[in-house]
Protein backbone atom coordinates (compact mmCIF):
# COMPACT_ATOMS: atom_id res chain seq x y z
CA MET A 1 4.67 -19.34 -27.69
CA SER A 2 0.94 -19.10 -28.44
CA ALA A 3 -1.35 -16.28 -27.33
CA ARG A 4 -4.26 -18.73 -27.26
CA HIS A 5 -2.46 -21.13 -24.94
CA THR A 6 -1.28 -18.28 -22.73
CA TRP A 7 -4.81 -16.93 -22.43
CA ALA A 8 -6.22 -20.41 -21.72
CA THR A 9 -3.70 -20.86 -18.91
CA ALA A 10 -4.58 -17.45 -17.45
CA VAL A 11 -8.31 -18.22 -17.52
CA ARG A 12 -7.73 -21.56 -15.79
CA VAL A 13 -5.66 -19.95 -13.03
CA LEU A 14 -8.18 -17.14 -12.51
CA THR A 15 -10.98 -19.69 -12.26
CA GLN A 16 -9.04 -21.54 -9.58
CA LEU A 17 -8.37 -18.31 -7.71
CA ARG A 18 -12.02 -17.33 -7.82
CA HIS A 19 -12.94 -20.47 -5.88
CA ASP A 20 -10.05 -20.19 -3.41
CA ARG A 21 -11.35 -17.92 -0.65
CA ARG A 22 -8.25 -18.27 1.51
CA THR A 23 -5.97 -17.05 -1.25
CA ILE A 24 -8.33 -14.17 -1.99
CA GLY A 25 -8.25 -13.27 1.70
CA ILE A 26 -4.45 -13.31 1.73
CA LEU A 27 -4.27 -11.19 -1.41
CA VAL A 28 -6.84 -8.56 -0.51
CA VAL A 29 -7.67 -8.60 3.19
CA VAL A 30 -4.27 -9.19 4.82
CA PRO A 31 -2.47 -6.16 3.31
CA CYS A 32 -5.39 -3.92 4.28
CA LEU A 33 -5.33 -5.26 7.84
CA LEU A 34 -1.59 -4.62 8.13
CA LEU A 35 -1.87 -1.09 6.76
CA GLY A 36 -4.89 -0.39 8.95
CA LEU A 37 -3.03 -1.66 12.02
CA ILE A 38 -0.10 0.68 11.35
CA ALA A 39 -2.44 3.62 10.72
CA TRP A 40 -4.22 2.86 14.01
CA MET A 41 -0.90 2.74 15.88
CA PHE A 42 -0.11 6.32 14.86
CA ALA A 43 -3.67 7.65 14.91
CA ASP A 44 -2.99 9.90 17.94
CA SER A 45 0.36 11.15 16.70
CA PRO A 46 0.50 14.95 16.24
CA VAL A 47 2.46 14.33 13.04
CA PRO A 48 0.58 12.55 10.18
CA VAL A 49 2.90 9.54 10.16
CA ILE A 50 0.68 7.59 7.78
CA ASP A 51 1.25 10.26 5.09
CA THR A 52 4.99 9.55 5.33
CA ILE A 53 5.14 5.77 5.61
CA GLY A 54 1.85 4.91 3.92
CA PRO A 55 3.11 5.34 0.33
CA LEU A 56 6.21 3.31 1.14
CA LEU A 57 4.13 0.47 2.54
CA LEU A 58 1.93 0.58 -0.57
CA GLY A 59 5.09 -0.11 -2.53
CA VAL A 60 6.08 -3.07 -0.36
CA PHE A 61 3.02 -4.99 0.85
CA PRO A 62 1.62 -5.93 -2.61
CA ALA A 63 4.96 -7.26 -3.83
CA VAL A 64 5.64 -9.38 -0.75
CA VAL A 65 2.16 -10.92 -0.68
CA MET A 66 2.09 -11.58 -4.42
CA PHE A 67 5.54 -13.18 -4.27
CA LEU A 68 4.42 -15.64 -1.62
CA VAL A 69 1.14 -16.60 -3.28
CA THR A 70 2.56 -16.82 -6.81
CA SER A 71 5.63 -18.88 -5.92
CA VAL A 72 3.67 -21.45 -3.91
CA ALA A 73 0.80 -21.73 -6.40
CA THR A 74 3.12 -22.18 -9.37
CA LEU A 75 5.29 -24.73 -7.61
CA ARG A 76 2.20 -26.71 -6.68
CA GLU A 77 1.44 -27.13 -10.39
CA ARG A 78 4.83 -28.79 -10.85
CA THR A 79 4.87 -30.98 -7.75
CA SER A 80 1.33 -32.23 -8.43
CA GLY A 81 2.29 -33.27 -11.96
CA THR A 82 -0.05 -30.76 -13.62
CA LEU A 83 2.80 -29.00 -15.42
CA GLU A 84 4.21 -32.28 -16.72
CA ARG A 85 0.81 -33.25 -18.12
CA LEU A 86 0.40 -29.82 -19.71
CA MET A 87 3.81 -30.13 -21.36
CA THR A 88 2.62 -33.24 -23.20
CA THR A 89 0.23 -30.95 -25.07
CA GLN A 90 1.12 -27.98 -27.26
CA ILE A 91 1.57 -25.65 -24.27
CA GLY A 92 5.17 -24.52 -23.85
CA LYS A 93 7.03 -23.20 -20.83
CA ALA A 94 6.57 -19.61 -21.97
CA ASP A 95 2.81 -20.14 -22.40
CA PHE A 96 2.55 -21.60 -18.92
CA LEU A 97 4.60 -18.96 -17.14
CA LEU A 98 3.17 -15.98 -19.03
CA GLY A 99 -0.34 -17.33 -18.49
CA TYR A 100 0.33 -17.43 -14.77
CA ALA A 101 1.86 -13.96 -14.95
CA LEU A 102 -1.22 -12.60 -16.74
CA ALA A 103 -3.62 -14.20 -14.26
CA PHE A 104 -1.76 -12.94 -11.22
CA ALA A 105 -1.34 -9.53 -12.85
CA VAL A 106 -5.14 -9.30 -12.86
CA ALA A 107 -5.19 -10.36 -9.20
CA ALA A 108 -2.40 -7.87 -8.44
CA THR A 109 -4.37 -5.04 -10.04
CA ILE A 110 -7.41 -5.83 -7.90
CA GLN A 111 -5.25 -6.11 -4.78
CA ALA A 112 -3.45 -2.81 -5.44
CA ALA A 113 -6.72 -1.00 -6.20
CA VAL A 114 -8.35 -2.21 -2.98
CA LEU A 115 -5.26 -1.44 -0.88
CA THR A 116 -4.80 2.04 -2.36
CA GLY A 117 -8.47 2.86 -1.87
CA PHE A 118 -8.32 1.55 1.69
CA ALA A 119 -5.25 3.68 2.43
CA ILE A 120 -6.82 6.86 1.08
CA TRP A 121 -10.45 6.58 2.14
CA VAL A 122 -10.18 4.54 5.35
CA CYS A 123 -6.71 5.23 6.74
CA GLY A 124 -6.80 8.89 5.69
CA LEU A 125 -3.65 8.82 3.56
CA ASP A 126 -3.07 12.24 2.02
CA VAL A 127 -0.51 12.58 -0.78
CA ALA A 128 0.72 15.65 -2.61
CA GLY A 129 0.84 13.87 -5.96
CA SER A 130 -1.66 11.90 -8.01
CA ALA A 131 -3.58 9.08 -6.33
CA TRP A 132 -4.02 7.42 -9.71
CA LEU A 133 -0.27 7.41 -10.26
CA MET A 134 0.15 5.88 -6.81
CA LEU A 135 -2.22 3.13 -7.89
CA VAL A 136 -0.12 2.52 -11.00
CA VAL A 137 3.03 2.13 -8.90
CA ALA A 138 1.27 -0.24 -6.50
CA VAL A 139 0.06 -2.36 -9.43
CA VAL A 140 3.50 -2.48 -11.05
CA GLU A 141 5.10 -3.40 -7.74
CA ALA A 142 2.55 -6.19 -7.20
CA ILE A 143 3.30 -7.49 -10.70
CA LEU A 144 6.99 -7.39 -9.80
CA GLY A 145 6.20 -9.61 -6.81
CA CYS A 146 4.43 -12.00 -9.19
CA ALA A 147 7.41 -12.10 -11.55
CA LEU A 148 9.88 -12.69 -8.72
CA GLY A 149 7.61 -15.39 -7.33
CA LEU A 150 7.46 -17.13 -10.71
CA ALA A 151 11.24 -17.02 -10.99
CA ALA A 152 11.62 -18.36 -7.44
CA SER A 153 9.17 -21.20 -8.09
CA ALA A 154 11.34 -22.32 -11.00
CA LEU A 155 14.29 -22.69 -8.63
CA ALA A 156 12.55 -24.31 -5.65
CA ARG A 157 11.77 -28.01 -5.36
CA THR A 158 9.15 -27.87 -2.61
CA GLU A 159 6.62 -25.34 -1.37
CA PHE A 160 8.67 -24.96 1.80
CA GLN A 161 11.71 -24.03 -0.26
CA ALA A 162 9.62 -21.47 -2.12
CA VAL A 163 8.67 -19.87 1.19
CA GLN A 164 12.32 -19.95 2.28
CA LEU A 165 13.30 -18.03 -0.85
CA MET A 166 11.10 -15.12 0.16
CA PRO A 167 13.41 -13.75 2.89
CA ALA A 168 16.44 -14.51 0.72
CA LEU A 169 15.09 -12.45 -2.18
CA MET A 170 12.92 -9.90 -0.40
CA LEU A 171 14.55 -8.92 2.89
CA PRO A 172 17.87 -7.74 1.40
CA GLN A 173 15.93 -5.55 -1.03
CA LEU A 174 13.82 -4.11 1.79
CA ALA A 175 16.99 -3.36 3.76
CA VAL A 176 18.73 -1.35 1.03
CA CYS A 177 15.86 0.08 -1.04
CA GLY A 178 15.57 3.28 1.00
CA LEU A 179 12.82 2.07 3.29
CA VAL A 180 15.06 1.98 6.38
CA MET A 181 17.31 4.93 5.57
CA PRO A 182 17.96 7.19 2.56
CA ARG A 183 20.03 5.43 -0.09
CA ASP A 184 22.50 8.31 -0.46
CA GLN A 185 23.39 8.00 3.23
CA MET A 186 24.33 4.33 3.01
CA PRO A 187 27.91 3.04 2.72
CA ASP A 188 29.13 3.03 -0.87
CA VAL A 189 28.80 -0.72 -1.31
CA LEU A 190 25.23 -0.76 -0.02
CA GLU A 191 24.32 2.26 -2.11
CA TRP A 192 25.64 0.46 -5.19
CA LEU A 193 23.64 -2.63 -4.23
CA SER A 194 20.51 -0.50 -3.86
CA ASN A 195 20.96 0.65 -7.46
CA VAL A 196 20.52 -2.90 -8.79
CA VAL A 197 17.41 -3.99 -6.84
CA PRO A 198 13.95 -3.19 -8.19
CA PHE A 199 12.43 -2.22 -4.84
CA SER A 200 14.62 0.89 -4.78
CA TYR A 201 12.87 2.33 -7.82
CA ALA A 202 9.42 1.45 -6.53
CA ILE A 203 10.16 3.24 -3.27
CA GLU A 204 11.57 6.24 -5.16
CA ALA A 205 8.42 6.38 -7.27
CA MET A 206 6.20 6.32 -4.17
CA GLN A 207 8.34 8.95 -2.46
CA GLY A 208 8.13 11.11 -5.57
CA ILE A 209 4.34 10.91 -5.57
CA SER A 210 4.10 11.74 -1.86
CA THR A 211 6.26 14.85 -2.36
CA ALA A 212 4.77 15.92 -5.72
CA ALA A 213 8.01 15.29 -7.64
CA PRO A 214 7.99 15.75 -11.44
CA VAL A 215 5.80 13.14 -13.10
CA GLY A 216 8.59 12.27 -15.52
CA GLU A 217 10.82 11.09 -12.67
CA VAL A 218 8.04 8.88 -11.33
CA TRP A 219 7.42 7.30 -14.73
CA THR A 220 11.15 6.69 -15.16
CA ASN A 221 11.20 4.69 -11.92
CA ILE A 222 8.06 2.82 -12.97
CA GLY A 223 9.75 1.93 -16.25
CA LEU A 224 12.81 0.62 -14.43
CA VAL A 225 10.62 -1.62 -12.27
CA GLY A 226 9.00 -2.86 -15.49
CA VAL A 227 12.43 -3.82 -16.83
CA PHE A 228 13.02 -5.95 -13.73
CA VAL A 229 9.63 -7.60 -14.29
CA VAL A 230 10.67 -8.64 -17.81
CA ILE A 231 14.05 -9.90 -16.59
CA SER A 232 12.43 -11.96 -13.82
CA LEU A 233 9.91 -13.54 -16.21
CA ALA A 234 12.68 -14.37 -18.69
CA ALA A 235 14.71 -15.99 -15.90
CA GLY A 236 11.67 -18.00 -14.81
CA ILE A 237 11.03 -19.25 -18.35
CA ALA A 238 14.67 -20.22 -18.82
CA THR A 239 14.92 -22.17 -15.55
CA LEU A 240 11.44 -23.73 -15.32
CA ARG A 241 11.51 -27.52 -15.03
CA ARG A 242 8.63 -29.73 -16.13
CA ARG A 243 8.57 -31.62 -12.88
CA THR A 244 10.26 -31.67 -9.50
CA PRO A 245 12.71 -34.60 -9.19
């Protein structure tokens, strides 16, 4: 693995993203529209619903959107033959995948910053904890979506298959992560399953911020999400194929 090759790959991907207005719209505008729509739905509610569900959505929307964009974009490199041509040079699989991860981590940071700012200053989200810490969780969760998308792209053979993997990998996590009901109220098997999916710790971190929980607990959950990011990237590197048969 070479830091120079990784950086060169990241710069190339960021340059492509900068000229792709549709992808930029999906990354930045769509999550804000969805959050704004939900805030508008409950605007007349006597209870500030957005203060309850807003932090949870900030932990979900970035990951889902980044998963979709990352998996499709990475798979396109393989199906178009770009990856195979790159592999004839000194660039290795780790350089390629980590370069993509770095580039989309930059995009994820911008996305999370815009979405968090939109939630606070436009939708009126009010949290008991630190807004900056909420931004950190949103960024880490978006990077998790990138890592899962990179791992999924290594398994899929077509862009359609990459899209199909999204509900297979994302929906079960959303069902058991504590978004639908508290994890400690689930059946034992589902509670155990919730302990091994990264979304659970992202949701716990967001819930901790919204209720002003100890900062140490929030950072512990952020660290656990980071561990899943590393595992996903390692899985993607190990399973990445040079070309799609």
